């Protein structure tokens, strides 16, 4: 399935039903008076956060949504039937933004959360409402009202407990596959992962959701390598696993650490303050304990006091790492910047 995290849609609430012009026609009641009922209300267009939907791809192909019209009123003061609402499932984490003003209208950041994207119009009044002492038999009624009409931009920010970040080819997707049933693509070349991937790690009856964020490069905060589109997904996480490759052809770990953290700081000072678990990955390529000790000492010099070693491919140290993650999650509050709308530069 193609991952799509942006779309523009147009929504229109249903038209309200027309009020009725009617008069009582009963035996022995020659002048029964007006009895026209009101029209029914037009259908709303409602979005709901649904875990069964993972992408906004459907809204790239279907852009227009219109609620059904309410039924017209009837005689004997019968009110027309209200139209049913249209329910649109959307991924958890979808932001709904007014395309014209840029204002954030709704944030579907919880499962089952709903938002009325366009309200249906009210039904028109029947002629019973227009009777006056001087007008006993009004032949007028009110047409139904138009429903709301909006042009909306949908922006998906993935919701996850843990964000796995690092330079391209740091082994993020391999780690995700080692921990979960994710089918994230892996390969020995940069930018294997072009879209975020989600996986679930089950630990002691609790699910921990991990997001594999595509590799960040220098200038990511300005859009280099689509970095701005990737960084917005990190904002919905609570803890970061910063994966650094120990592969001989990878960047120096100190430089890799600096590049990624510089991008986090330039994107958002709040994001840079997230709890970060630094992991030297592909440790199976460095069996020498002395070399591991060296890297621990070097990273400690720049403030990394908590460092772990793992190998997603060899599945070494990965479950211990998740024990550390679980401990951090217990101490970490929900993110405070997750509701900020994002727009492309």
C-alpha atoms as a PDB file:
ATOM      1  CA  UNK A   1       0.000   0.000   0.000  1.00  0.00           C
ATOM      2  CA  UNK A   2       1.304   3.445  -0.904  1.00  0.00           C
ATOM      3  CA  UNK A   3       1.877   5.686   2.112  1.00  0.00           C
ATOM      4  CA  UNK A   4       0.261   9.096   1.645  1.00  0.00           C
ATOM      5  CA  UNK A   5       0.322  11.621   4.478  1.00  0.00           C
ATOM      6  CA  UNK A   6      -1.242  14.650   2.759  1.00  0.00           C
ATOM      7  CA  UNK A   7      -4.449  15.215   0.827  1.00  0.00           C
ATOM      8  CA  UNK A   8      -6.931  17.971   0.031  1.00  0.00           C
ATOM      9  CA  UNK A   9     -10.668  17.252   0.067  1.00  0.00           C
ATOM     10  CA  UNK A  10     -13.877  19.230  -0.357  1.00  0.00           C
ATOM     11  CA  UNK A  11     -16.817  18.468   1.899  1.00  0.00           C
ATOM     12  CA  UNK A  12     -20.417  19.674   1.743  1.00  0.00           C
ATOM     13  CA  UNK A  13     -23.169  19.013   4.239  1.00  0.00           C
ATOM     14  CA  UNK A  14     -26.502  17.833   2.909  1.00  0.00           C
ATOM     15  CA  UNK A  15     -29.230  20.329   2.030  1.00  0.00           C
ATOM     16  CA  UNK A  16     -32.080  20.651   4.503  1.00  0.00           C
ATOM     17  CA  UNK A  17     -35.492  19.351   3.401  1.00  0.00           C
ATOM     18  CA  UNK A  18     -38.151  21.790   2.222  1.00  0.00           C
ATOM     19  CA  UNK A  19     -40.983  22.805   4.520  1.00  0.00           C
ATOM     20  CA  UNK A  20     -44.463  21.688   3.448  1.00  0.00           C
ATOM     21  CA  UNK A  21     -47.501  23.778   2.462  1.00  0.00           C
ATOM     22  CA  UNK A  22     -50.538  21.784   3.529  1.00  0.00           C
ATOM     23  CA  UNK A  23     -54.016  22.299   4.992  1.00  0.00           C
ATOM     24  CA  UNK A  24     -56.230  20.047   7.047  1.00  0.00           C
ATOM     25  CA  UNK A  25     -58.848  18.376   4.911  1.00  0.00           C
ATOM     26  CA  UNK A  26     -61.139  16.463   7.170  1.00  0.00           C
ATOM     27  CA  UNK A  27     -64.863  15.792   7.217  1.00  0.00           C
ATOM     28  CA  UNK A  28     -66.786  18.478   9.064  1.00  0.00           C
ATOM     29  CA  UNK A  29     -63.697  20.694   9.239  1.00  0.00           C
ATOM     30  CA  UNK A  30     -64.075  22.919   6.177  1.00  0.00           C
ATOM     31  CA  UNK A  31     -61.430  25.398   7.282  1.00  0.00           C
ATOM     32  CA  UNK A  32     -58.932  23.191   9.055  1.00  0.00           C
ATOM     33  CA  UNK A  33     -56.008  25.543   8.793  1.00  0.00           C
ATOM     34  CA  UNK A  34     -52.384  24.926   7.829  1.00  0.00           C
ATOM     35  CA  UNK A  35     -50.663  21.721   8.902  1.00  0.00           C
ATOM     36  CA  UNK A  36     -47.487  21.635   6.785  1.00  0.00           C
ATOM     37  CA  UNK A  37     -44.541  20.001   8.580  1.00  0.00           C
ATOM     38  CA  UNK A  38     -40.893  21.044   8.655  1.00  0.00           C
ATOM     39  CA  UNK A  39     -38.204  19.577   6.447  1.00  0.00           C
ATOM     40  CA  UNK A  40     -35.574  17.184   7.784  1.00  0.00           C
ATOM     41  CA  UNK A  41     -31.998  18.142   8.493  1.00  0.00           C
ATOM     42  CA  UNK A  42     -29.293  17.497   5.899  1.00  0.00           C
ATOM     43  CA  UNK A  43     -26.650  14.866   6.595  1.00  0.00           C
ATOM     44  CA  UNK A  44     -23.342  15.797   8.232  1.00  0.00           C
ATOM     45  CA  UNK A  45     -19.958  14.757   6.898  1.00  0.00           C
ATOM     46  CA  UNK A  46     -18.051  13.259   9.835  1.00  0.00           C
ATOM     47  CA  UNK A  47     -14.476  11.987  10.121  1.00  0.00           C
ATOM     48  CA  UNK A  48     -13.466   9.303  12.631  1.00  0.00           C
ATOM     49  CA  UNK A  49      -9.990   8.170  13.687  1.00  0.00           C
ATOM     50  CA  UNK A  50      -9.815   4.488  12.745  1.00  0.00           C
ATOM     51  CA  UNK A  51      -6.925   2.089  13.350  1.00  0.00           C
ATOM     52  CA  UNK A  52      -7.990   0.148  10.263  1.00  0.00           C
ATOM     53  CA  UNK A  53      -6.769   3.006   8.049  1.00  0.00           C
ATOM     54  CA  UNK A  54      -3.039   3.698   7.800  1.00  0.00           C
ATOM     55  CA  UNK A  55      -2.753   6.249   5.009  1.00  0.00           C
ATOM     56  CA  UNK A  56      -4.601   9.107   3.322  1.00  0.00           C
ATOM     57  CA  UNK A  57      -4.231   7.457  -0.074  1.00  0.00           C
ATOM     58  CA  UNK A  58      -7.993   7.029  -0.585  1.00  0.00           C
ATOM     59  CA  UNK A  59      -8.469  10.785  -0.414  1.00  0.00           C
ATOM     60  CA  UNK A  60      -6.087  11.314  -3.308  1.00  0.00           C
ATOM     61  CA  UNK A  61      -8.602   9.527  -5.541  1.00  0.00           C
ATOM     62  CA  UNK A  62     -11.858  10.622  -3.925  1.00  0.00           C
ATOM     63  CA  UNK A  63     -11.750  14.299  -3.088  1.00  0.00           C
ATOM     64  CA  UNK A  64     -15.426  15.276  -2.886  1.00  0.00           C
ATOM     65  CA  UNK A  65     -17.794  14.240  -0.102  1.00  0.00           C
ATOM     66  CA  UNK A  66     -21.397  15.399   0.124  1.00  0.00           C
ATOM     67  CA  UNK A  67     -23.989  14.604   2.753  1.00  0.00           C
ATOM     68  CA  UNK A  68     -27.457  13.393   1.757  1.00  0.00           C
ATOM     69  CA  UNK A  69     -30.341  15.869   1.646  1.00  0.00           C
ATOM     70  CA  UNK A  70     -33.018  15.891   4.304  1.00  0.00           C
ATOM     71  CA  UNK A  71     -36.544  14.808   3.360  1.00  0.00           C
ATOM     72  CA  UNK A  72     -39.280  17.369   2.817  1.00  0.00           C
ATOM     73  CA  UNK A  73     -41.999  17.919   5.415  1.00  0.00           C
ATOM     74  CA  UNK A  74     -45.476  16.439   5.013  1.00  0.00           C
ATOM     75  CA  UNK A  75     -49.078  17.206   5.875  1.00  0.00           C
ATOM     76  CA  UNK A  76     -50.522  16.636   9.347  1.00  0.00           C
ATOM     77  CA  UNK A  77     -47.431  18.387  10.734  1.00  0.00           C
ATOM     78  CA  UNK A  78     -45.163  15.506   9.728  1.00  0.00           C
ATOM     79  CA  UNK A  79     -41.486  16.450   9.921  1.00  0.00           C
ATOM     80  CA  UNK A  80     -39.272  15.175   7.128  1.00  0.00           C
ATOM     81  CA  UNK A  81     -36.666  12.522   7.933  1.00  0.00           C
ATOM     82  CA  UNK A  82     -33.183  13.719   8.858  1.00  0.00           C
ATOM     83  CA  UNK A  83     -30.529  12.441   6.481  1.00  0.00           C
ATOM     84  CA  UNK A  84     -27.917   9.992   7.754  1.00  0.00           C
ATOM     85  CA  UNK A  85     -24.393  11.277   8.243  1.00  0.00           C
ATOM     86  CA  UNK A  86     -21.514  10.215   6.020  1.00  0.00           C
ATOM     87  CA  UNK A  87     -18.725   8.667   8.125  1.00  0.00           C
ATOM     88  CA  UNK A  88     -15.200   8.928   6.705  1.00  0.00           C
ATOM     89  CA  UNK A  89     -12.541   6.745   8.401  1.00  0.00           C
ATOM     90  CA  UNK A  90      -9.153   8.442   8.692  1.00  0.00           C
ATOM     91  CA  UNK A  91      -5.817   7.345  10.172  1.00  0.00           C
ATOM     92  CA  UNK A  92      -5.196   8.096  13.823  1.00  0.00           C
ATOM     93  CA  UNK A  93      -3.073  11.243  13.895  1.00  0.00           C
ATOM     94  CA  UNK A  94      -4.801  13.048  11.022  1.00  0.00           C
ATOM     95  CA  UNK A  95      -4.983  16.808  11.315  1.00  0.00           C
ATOM     96  CA  UNK A  96      -7.818  18.652   9.566  1.00  0.00           C
ATOM     97  CA  UNK A  97      -6.766  22.110   8.420  1.00  0.00           C
ATOM     98  CA  UNK A  98      -8.827  24.814   6.714  1.00  0.00           C
ATOM     99  CA  UNK A  99      -7.204  25.152   3.300  1.00  0.00           C
ATOM    100  CA  UNK A 100      -8.185  28.828   2.980  1.00  0.00           C
ATOM    101  CA  UNK A 101      -7.049  30.113   6.383  1.00  0.00           C
ATOM    102  CA  UNK A 102      -4.500  27.515   7.457  1.00  0.00           C
ATOM    103  CA  UNK A 103      -6.274  27.142  10.814  1.00  0.00           C
ATOM    104  CA  UNK A 104      -6.150  23.765  12.545  1.00  0.00           C
ATOM    105  CA  UNK A 105      -9.780  22.684  12.932  1.00  0.00           C
ATOM    106  CA  UNK A 106      -9.480  19.176  14.339  1.00  0.00           C
ATOM    107  CA  UNK A 107      -6.778  16.776  15.473  1.00  0.00           C
ATOM    108  CA  UNK A 108      -7.820  13.121  15.307  1.00  0.00           C
ATOM    109  CA  UNK A 109      -5.070  11.987  17.651  1.00  0.00           C
ATOM    110  CA  UNK A 110      -7.047   9.313  19.534  1.00  0.00           C
ATOM    111  CA  UNK A 111      -8.759   6.143  18.341  1.00  0.00           C
ATOM    112  CA  UNK A 112     -12.488   6.748  17.844  1.00  0.00           C
ATOM    113  CA  UNK A 113     -12.225  10.536  17.979  1.00  0.00           C
ATOM    114  CA  UNK A 114     -14.711  12.205  15.633  1.00  0.00           C
ATOM    115  CA  UNK A 115     -14.994  15.571  13.902  1.00  0.00           C
ATOM    116  CA  UNK A 116     -17.884  17.145  11.997  1.00  0.00           C
ATOM    117  CA  UNK A 117     -16.183  18.321   8.820  1.00  0.00           C
ATOM    118  CA  UNK A 118     -19.333  19.854   7.322  1.00  0.00           C
ATOM    119  CA  UNK A 119     -22.677  20.201   9.093  1.00  0.00           C
ATOM    120  CA  UNK A 120     -25.881  19.505   7.205  1.00  0.00           C
ATOM    121  CA  UNK A 121     -28.338  22.335   6.600  1.00  0.00           C
ATOM    122  CA  UNK A 122     -31.403  22.840   8.767  1.00  0.00           C
ATOM    123  CA  UNK A 123     -34.780  21.830   7.356  1.00  0.00           C
ATOM    124  CA  UNK A 124     -37.183  24.524   6.201  1.00  0.00           C
ATOM    125  CA  UNK A 125     -40.279  25.458   8.189  1.00  0.00           C
ATOM    126  CA  UNK A 126     -43.706  24.374   7.048  1.00  0.00           C
ATOM    127  CA  UNK A 127     -46.607  26.775   6.597  1.00  0.00           C
ATOM    128  CA  UNK A 128     -47.836  26.171  10.147  1.00  0.00           C
ATOM    129  CA  UNK A 129     -45.155  28.642  11.287  1.00  0.00           C
ATOM    130  CA  UNK A 130     -46.519  31.483   9.162  1.00  0.00           C
ATOM    131  CA  UNK A 131     -50.032  31.770  10.564  1.00  0.00           C
ATOM    132  CA  UNK A 132     -50.950  35.216  11.918  1.00  0.00           C
ATOM    133  CA  UNK A 133     -54.251  36.767  13.045  1.00  0.00           C
ATOM    134  CA  UNK A 134     -54.576  38.381   9.639  1.00  0.00           C
ATOM    135  CA  UNK A 135     -53.185  35.461   7.616  1.00  0.00           C
ATOM    136  CA  UNK A 136     -55.042  32.309   8.537  1.00  0.00           C
ATOM    137  CA  UNK A 137     -54.189  30.288   5.439  1.00  0.00           C
ATOM    138  CA  UNK A 138     -50.526  30.986   4.520  1.00  0.00           C
ATOM    139  CA  UNK A 139     -49.343  29.322   1.353  1.00  0.00           C
ATOM    140  CA  UNK A 140     -45.695  29.850   2.004  1.00  0.00           C
ATOM    141  CA  UNK A 141     -43.010  27.649   3.527  1.00  0.00           C
ATOM    142  CA  UNK A 142     -39.281  27.820   3.943  1.00  0.00           C
ATOM    143  CA  UNK A 143     -36.845  26.012   1.689  1.00  0.00           C
ATOM    144  CA  UNK A 144     -34.154  23.991   3.457  1.00  0.00           C
ATOM    145  CA  UNK A 145     -30.813  25.582   4.175  1.00  0.00           C
ATOM    146  CA  UNK A 146     -27.578  24.716   2.425  1.00  0.00           C
ATOM    147  CA  UNK A 147     -25.084  22.574   4.289  1.00  0.00           C
ATOM    148  CA  UNK A 148     -21.635  23.803   5.218  1.00  0.00           C
ATOM    149  CA  UNK A 149     -19.034  23.695   2.484  1.00  0.00           C
ATOM    150  CA  UNK A 150     -15.323  23.502   3.176  1.00  0.00           C
ATOM    151  CA  UNK A 151     -12.041  22.850   1.433  1.00  0.00           C
ATOM    152  CA  UNK A 152      -9.806  20.980   3.841  1.00  0.00           C
ATOM    153  CA  UNK A 153      -6.191  19.891   3.924  1.00  0.00           C
ATOM    154  CA  UNK A 154      -5.524  16.585   5.645  1.00  0.00           C
ATOM    155  CA  UNK A 155      -2.134  16.127   7.244  1.00  0.00           C
ATOM    156  CA  UNK A 156      -1.144  12.846   8.865  1.00  0.00           C
ATOM    157  CA  UNK A 157       1.316  12.766  11.747  1.00  0.00           C
ATOM    158  CA  UNK A 158       1.873   9.207  12.867  1.00  0.00           C
ATOM    159  CA  UNK A 159       1.078   8.455  16.498  1.00  0.00           C
ATOM    160  CA  UNK A 160       3.611   6.126  18.123  1.00  0.00           C
ATOM    161  CA  UNK A 161       5.239   5.557  21.500  1.00  0.00           C
ATOM    162  CA  UNK A 162       8.750   5.367  20.080  1.00  0.00           C
ATOM    163  CA  UNK A 163      10.400   7.004  17.102  1.00  0.00           C
ATOM    164  CA  UNK A 164      13.449   5.251  15.627  1.00  0.00           C
ATOM    165  CA  UNK A 165      15.698   7.903  14.091  1.00  0.00           C
ATOM    166  CA  UNK A 166      19.152   8.072  12.572  1.00  0.00           C
ATOM    167  CA  UNK A 167      21.068   8.626   9.356  1.00  0.00           C
ATOM    168  CA  UNK A 168      20.143   6.637   6.239  1.00  0.00           C
ATOM    169  CA  UNK A 169      21.234   2.989   6.413  1.00  0.00           C
ATOM    170  CA  UNK A 170      21.640   3.025  10.200  1.00  0.00           C
ATOM    171  CA  UNK A 171      19.608  -0.195  10.410  1.00  0.00           C
ATOM    172  CA  UNK A 172      16.293   1.257  11.601  1.00  0.00           C
ATOM    173  CA  UNK A 173      14.066  -0.954   9.450  1.00  0.00           C
ATOM    174  CA  UNK A 174      16.059  -4.068  10.359  1.00  0.00           C
ATOM    175  CA  UNK A 175      15.614  -3.274  14.045  1.00  0.00           C
ATOM    176  CA  UNK A 176      11.875  -2.749  13.534  1.00  0.00           C
ATOM    177  CA  UNK A 177      11.576  -6.111  11.804  1.00  0.00           C
ATOM    178  CA  UNK A 178      13.539  -7.800  14.588  1.00  0.00           C
ATOM    179  CA  UNK A 179      11.137  -6.458  17.203  1.00  0.00           C
ATOM    180  CA  UNK A 180       7.797  -6.564  15.411  1.00  0.00           C
ATOM    181  CA  UNK A 181       5.950  -8.137  12.520  1.00  0.00           C
ATOM    182  CA  UNK A 182       6.612  -5.099  10.364  1.00  0.00           C
ATOM    183  CA  UNK A 183       7.368  -5.790   6.706  1.00  0.00           C
ATOM    184  CA  UNK A 184       9.547  -2.695   6.392  1.00  0.00           C
ATOM    185  CA  UNK A 185      11.871  -2.869   3.412  1.00  0.00           C
ATOM    186  CA  UNK A 186      15.525  -3.431   4.269  1.00  0.00           C
ATOM    187  CA  UNK A 187      18.644  -3.200   2.135  1.00  0.00           C
ATOM    188  CA  UNK A 188      22.309  -2.315   2.249  1.00  0.00           C
ATOM    189  CA  UNK A 189      22.008   1.077   0.624  1.00  0.00           C
ATOM    190  CA  UNK A 190      20.873   4.539   1.733  1.00  0.00           C
ATOM    191  CA  UNK A 191      17.227   5.610   1.618  1.00  0.00           C
ATOM    192  CA  UNK A 192      15.843   2.090   1.597  1.00  0.00           C
ATOM    193  CA  UNK A 193      12.996   3.467   3.717  1.00  0.00           C
ATOM    194  CA  UNK A 194      11.157   6.211   1.862  1.00  0.00           C
ATOM    195  CA  UNK A 195       8.069   6.389   4.097  1.00  0.00           C
ATOM    196  CA  UNK A 196       7.539   5.897   7.840  1.00  0.00           C
ATOM    197  CA  UNK A 197       6.717   2.373   8.983  1.00  0.00           C
ATOM    198  CA  UNK A 198       4.869   1.309  12.124  1.00  0.00           C
ATOM    199  CA  UNK A 199       5.358  -1.835  14.159  1.00  0.00           C
ATOM    200  CA  UNK A 200       4.029  -3.127  17.486  1.00  0.00           C
ATOM    201  CA  UNK A 201       6.216  -4.741  20.160  1.00  0.00           C
ATOM    202  CA  UNK A 202       4.261  -6.686  22.776  1.00  0.00           C
ATOM    203  CA  UNK A 203       5.710  -6.641  26.281  1.00  0.00           C
ATOM    204  CA  UNK A 204       3.949  -7.964  29.374  1.00  0.00           C
ATOM    205  CA  UNK A 205       0.428  -7.469  27.988  1.00  0.00           C
ATOM    206  CA  UNK A 206       1.280  -3.996  26.756  1.00  0.00           C
ATOM    207  CA  UNK A 207       1.716  -2.925  23.144  1.00  0.00           C
ATOM    208  CA  UNK A 208       4.518  -0.492  22.353  1.00  0.00           C
ATOM    209  CA  UNK A 209       4.126   1.172  18.967  1.00  0.00           C
ATOM    210  CA  UNK A 210       7.365   1.982  17.150  1.00  0.00           C
ATOM    211  CA  UNK A 211       7.736   4.241  14.123  1.00  0.00           C
ATOM    212  CA  UNK A 212      10.687   3.736  11.770  1.00  0.00           C
ATOM    213  CA  UNK A 213      11.391   7.250  10.498  1.00  0.00           C
ATOM    214  CA  UNK A 214      13.226   7.462   7.147  1.00  0.00           C
ATOM    215  CA  UNK A 215      16.862   8.498   7.395  1.00  0.00           C
ATOM    216  CA  UNK A 216      17.649  12.134   8.142  1.00  0.00           C
ATOM    217  CA  UNK A 217      20.467  13.979   6.410  1.00  0.00           C
ATOM    218  CA  UNK A 218      21.995  17.420   6.852  1.00  0.00           C
ATOM    219  CA  UNK A 219      19.433  20.056   5.895  1.00  0.00           C
ATOM    220  CA  UNK A 220      16.490  17.757   6.673  1.00  0.00           C
ATOM    221  CA  UNK A 221      14.731  20.552   8.603  1.00  0.00           C
ATOM    222  CA  UNK A 222      14.742  22.602   5.379  1.00  0.00           C
ATOM    223  CA  UNK A 223      13.395  19.735   3.278  1.00  0.00           C
ATOM    224  CA  UNK A 224      16.607  18.054   2.160  1.00  0.00           C
ATOM    225  CA  UNK A 225      15.876  14.403   1.421  1.00  0.00           C
ATOM    226  CA  UNK A 226      12.202  15.101   2.250  1.00  0.00           C
ATOM    227  CA  UNK A 227      13.375  15.514   5.837  1.00  0.00           C
ATOM    228  CA  UNK A 228      10.688  18.044   6.742  1.00  0.00           C
ATOM    229  CA  UNK A 229       8.020  15.488   5.817  1.00  0.00           C
ATOM    230  CA  UNK A 230       9.718  12.887   8.008  1.00  0.00           C
ATOM    231  CA  UNK A 231      10.436  15.081  11.022  1.00  0.00           C
ATOM    232  CA  UNK A 232       6.765  15.948  11.506  1.00  0.00           C
ATOM    233  CA  UNK A 233       6.081  12.275  12.288  1.00  0.00           C
ATOM    234  CA  UNK A 234       8.663  12.295  15.080  1.00  0.00           C
ATOM    235  CA  UNK A 235       6.589  14.900  16.945  1.00  0.00           C
ATOM    236  CA  UNK A 236       3.894  12.337  17.802  1.00  0.00           C
ATOM    237  CA  UNK A 237       6.317  10.026  19.611  1.00  0.00           C
ATOM    238  CA  UNK A 238       7.257  10.072  23.301  1.00  0.00           C
ATOM    239  CA  UNK A 239      10.714   8.500  23.296  1.00  0.00           C
ATOM    240  CA  UNK A 240      13.388   8.435  20.586  1.00  0.00           C
ATOM    241  CA  UNK A 241      15.750   5.583  19.786  1.00  0.00           C
ATOM    242  CA  UNK A 242      18.710   7.212  18.062  1.00  0.00           C
ATOM    243  CA  UNK A 243      20.341   4.463  16.024  1.00  0.00           C
ATOM    244  CA  UNK A 244      23.964   4.937  14.939  1.00  0.00           C
ATOM    245  CA  UNK A 245      25.663   2.444  12.645  1.00  0.00           C
ATOM    246  CA  UNK A 246      29.017   0.886  13.527  1.00  0.00           C
ATOM    247  CA  UNK A 247      29.457  -0.373   9.979  1.00  0.00           C
ATOM    248  CA  UNK A 248      32.959   0.422   8.612  1.00  0.00           C
ATOM    249  CA  UNK A 249      31.457   2.321   5.668  1.00  0.00           C
ATOM    250  CA  UNK A 250      29.170   4.445   7.853  1.00  0.00           C
ATOM    251  CA  UNK A 251      29.842   7.946   9.105  1.00  0.00           C
ATOM    252  CA  UNK A 252      31.878   8.377  12.256  1.00  0.00           C
ATOM    253  CA  UNK A 253      29.439   7.778  15.169  1.00  0.00           C
ATOM    254  CA  UNK A 254      30.240  11.157  16.750  1.00  0.00           C
ATOM    255  CA  UNK A 255      29.500  12.937  13.472  1.00  0.00           C
ATOM    256  CA  UNK A 256      26.343  10.896  12.928  1.00  0.00           C
ATOM    257  CA  UNK A 257      25.114  11.815  16.396  1.00  0.00           C
ATOM    258  CA  UNK A 258      25.803  15.504  15.775  1.00  0.00           C
ATOM    259  CA  UNK A 259      24.066  15.638  12.386  1.00  0.00           C
ATOM    260  CA  UNK A 260      20.808  14.108  13.581  1.00  0.00           C
ATOM    261  CA  UNK A 261      20.615  16.138  16.783  1.00  0.00           C
ATOM    262  CA  UNK A 262      21.360  19.372  14.908  1.00  0.00           C
ATOM    263  CA  UNK A 263      18.415  18.640  12.623  1.00  0.00           C
ATOM    264  CA  UNK A 264      16.136  17.954  15.602  1.00  0.00           C
ATOM    265  CA  UNK A 265      17.141  21.245  17.236  1.00  0.00           C
ATOM    266  CA  UNK A 266      16.637  23.270  14.079  1.00  0.00           C
ATOM    267  CA  UNK A 267      13.224  21.695  13.502  1.00  0.00           C
ATOM    268  CA  UNK A 268      11.968  22.197  17.064  1.00  0.00           C
ATOM    269  CA  UNK A 269      13.615  22.904  20.397  1.00  0.00           C
ATOM    270  CA  UNK A 270      10.859  20.876  22.075  1.00  0.00           C
ATOM    271  CA  UNK A 271      11.575  17.892  19.822  1.00  0.00           C
ATOM    272  CA  UNK A 272      15.271  18.094  20.625  1.00  0.00           C
ATOM    273  CA  UNK A 273      14.378  17.777  24.317  1.00  0.00           C
ATOM    274  CA  UNK A 274      12.585  14.440  23.896  1.00  0.00           C
ATOM    275  CA  UNK A 275      14.078  11.525  25.864  1.00  0.00           C
ATOM    276  CA  UNK A 276      16.649   9.933  23.573  1.00  0.00           C
ATOM    277  CA  UNK A 277      18.119   6.451  23.859  1.00  0.00           C
ATOM    278  CA  UNK A 278      21.360   6.287  21.890  1.00  0.00           C
ATOM    279  CA  UNK A 279      22.125   2.883  20.396  1.00  0.00           C
ATOM    280  CA  UNK A 280      25.238   1.827  18.504  1.00  0.00           C
ATOM    281  CA  UNK A 281      23.811  -0.624  15.989  1.00  0.00           C
ATOM    282  CA  UNK A 282      25.408  -3.425  13.934  1.00  0.00           C
ATOM    283  CA  UNK A 283      27.508  -4.299  16.956  1.00  0.00           C
ATOM    284  CA  UNK A 284      28.040  -7.780  15.471  1.00  0.00           C
ATOM    285  CA  UNK A 285      30.552  -6.072  13.177  1.00  0.00           C
ATOM    286  CA  UNK A 286      32.569  -4.905  16.211  1.00  0.00           C
ATOM    287  CA  UNK A 287      33.302  -7.965  18.377  1.00  0.00           C
ATOM    288  CA  UNK A 288      36.228  -6.243  20.103  1.00  0.00           C
ATOM    289  CA  UNK A 289      35.068  -5.139  23.576  1.00  0.00           C
ATOM    290  CA  UNK A 290      37.862  -2.571  23.741  1.00  0.00           C
ATOM    291  CA  UNK A 291      36.499  -0.760  20.704  1.00  0.00           C
ATOM    292  CA  UNK A 292      33.027  -0.676  22.250  1.00  0.00           C
ATOM    293  CA  UNK A 293      34.506   0.813  25.416  1.00  0.00           C
ATOM    294  CA  UNK A 294      36.259   3.446  23.306  1.00  0.00           C
ATOM    295  CA  UNK A 295      33.018   4.555  21.702  1.00  0.00           C
ATOM    296  CA  UNK A 296      31.303   4.661  25.075  1.00  0.00           C
ATOM    297  CA  UNK A 297      34.020   6.988  26.371  1.00  0.00           C
ATOM    298  CA  UNK A 298      34.007   9.190  23.260  1.00  0.00           C
ATOM    299  CA  UNK A 299      30.232   9.659  23.303  1.00  0.00           C
ATOM    300  CA  UNK A 300      30.274  10.329  27.028  1.00  0.00           C
ATOM    301  CA  UNK A 301      32.527  13.324  26.306  1.00  0.00           C
ATOM    302  CA  UNK A 302      29.685  14.956  24.321  1.00  0.00           C
ATOM    303  CA  UNK A 303      27.029  14.224  26.902  1.00  0.00           C
ATOM    304  CA  UNK A 304      25.778  10.746  26.022  1.00  0.00           C
ATOM    305  CA  UNK A 305      25.575   9.182  29.460  1.00  0.00           C
ATOM    306  CA  UNK A 306      23.247   6.334  28.510  1.00  0.00           C
ATOM    307  CA  UNK A 307      24.527   4.215  25.621  1.00  0.00           C
ATOM    308  CA  UNK A 308      23.460   0.778  24.417  1.00  0.00           C
ATOM    309  CA  UNK A 309      24.758  -1.693  21.843  1.00  0.00           C
ATOM    310  CA  UNK A 310      22.530  -3.804  19.605  1.00  0.00           C
ATOM    311  CA  UNK A 311      22.286  -5.610  16.303  1.00  0.00           C
ATOM    312  CA  UNK A 312      18.948  -5.776  14.566  1.00  0.00           C
ATOM    313  CA  UNK A 313      20.258  -8.339  12.084  1.00  0.00           C
ATOM    314  CA  UNK A 314      21.742 -10.645  14.735  1.00  0.00           C
ATOM    315  CA  UNK A 315      18.941  -9.755  17.185  1.00  0.00           C
ATOM    316  CA  UNK A 316      21.556  -9.012  19.791  1.00  0.00           C
ATOM    317  CA  UNK A 317      20.549  -6.731  22.652  1.00  0.00           C
ATOM    318  CA  UNK A 318      17.218  -5.782  21.101  1.00  0.00           C
ATOM    319  CA  UNK A 319      14.966  -7.068  23.869  1.00  0.00           C
ATOM    320  CA  UNK A 320      17.131  -5.513  26.562  1.00  0.00           C
ATOM    321  CA  UNK A 321      16.796  -2.283  24.595  1.00  0.00           C
ATOM    322  CA  UNK A 322      12.992  -2.562  24.731  1.00  0.00           C
ATOM    323  CA  UNK A 323      13.164  -3.034  28.516  1.00  0.00           C
ATOM    324  CA  UNK A 324      14.971   0.303  28.644  1.00  0.00           C
ATOM    325  CA  UNK A 325      12.368   1.851  26.314  1.00  0.00           C
ATOM    326  CA  UNK A 326       9.513   0.600  28.504  1.00  0.00           C
ATOM    327  CA  UNK A 327      11.139   2.170  31.566  1.00  0.00           C
ATOM    328  CA  UNK A 328      11.444   5.505  29.770  1.00  0.00           C
ATOM    329  CA  UNK A 329       7.815   5.370  28.628  1.00  0.00           C
ATOM    330  CA  UNK A 330       6.647   4.921  32.202  1.00  0.00           C
ATOM    331  CA  UNK A 331       8.417   8.155  33.136  1.00  0.00           C
ATOM    332  CA  UNK A 332       7.559  10.180  30.040  1.00  0.00           C
ATOM    333  CA  UNK A 333       4.484  12.333  29.562  1.00  0.00           C
ATOM    334  CA  UNK A 334       2.606  12.705  26.311  1.00  0.00           C
ATOM    335  CA  UNK A 335       4.307  15.019  23.774  1.00  0.00           C
ATOM    336  CA  UNK A 336       3.359  18.673  24.063  1.00  0.00           C
ATOM    337  CA  UNK A 337       3.841  19.802  20.455  1.00  0.00           C
ATOM    338  CA  UNK A 338       1.896  17.122  18.605  1.00  0.00           C
ATOM    339  CA  UNK A 339      -0.996  19.439  17.690  1.00  0.00           C
ATOM    340  CA  UNK A 340       1.046  21.944  15.727  1.00  0.00           C
ATOM    341  CA  UNK A 341      -0.147  21.939  12.111  1.00  0.00           C
ATOM    342  CA  UNK A 342       2.505  21.287   9.495  1.00  0.00           C
ATOM    343  CA  UNK A 343       2.641  22.816   6.055  1.00  0.00           C
ATOM    344  CA  UNK A 344       5.231  22.349   3.319  1.00  0.00           C
ATOM    345  CA  UNK A 345       7.774  25.099   2.821  1.00  0.00           C
END
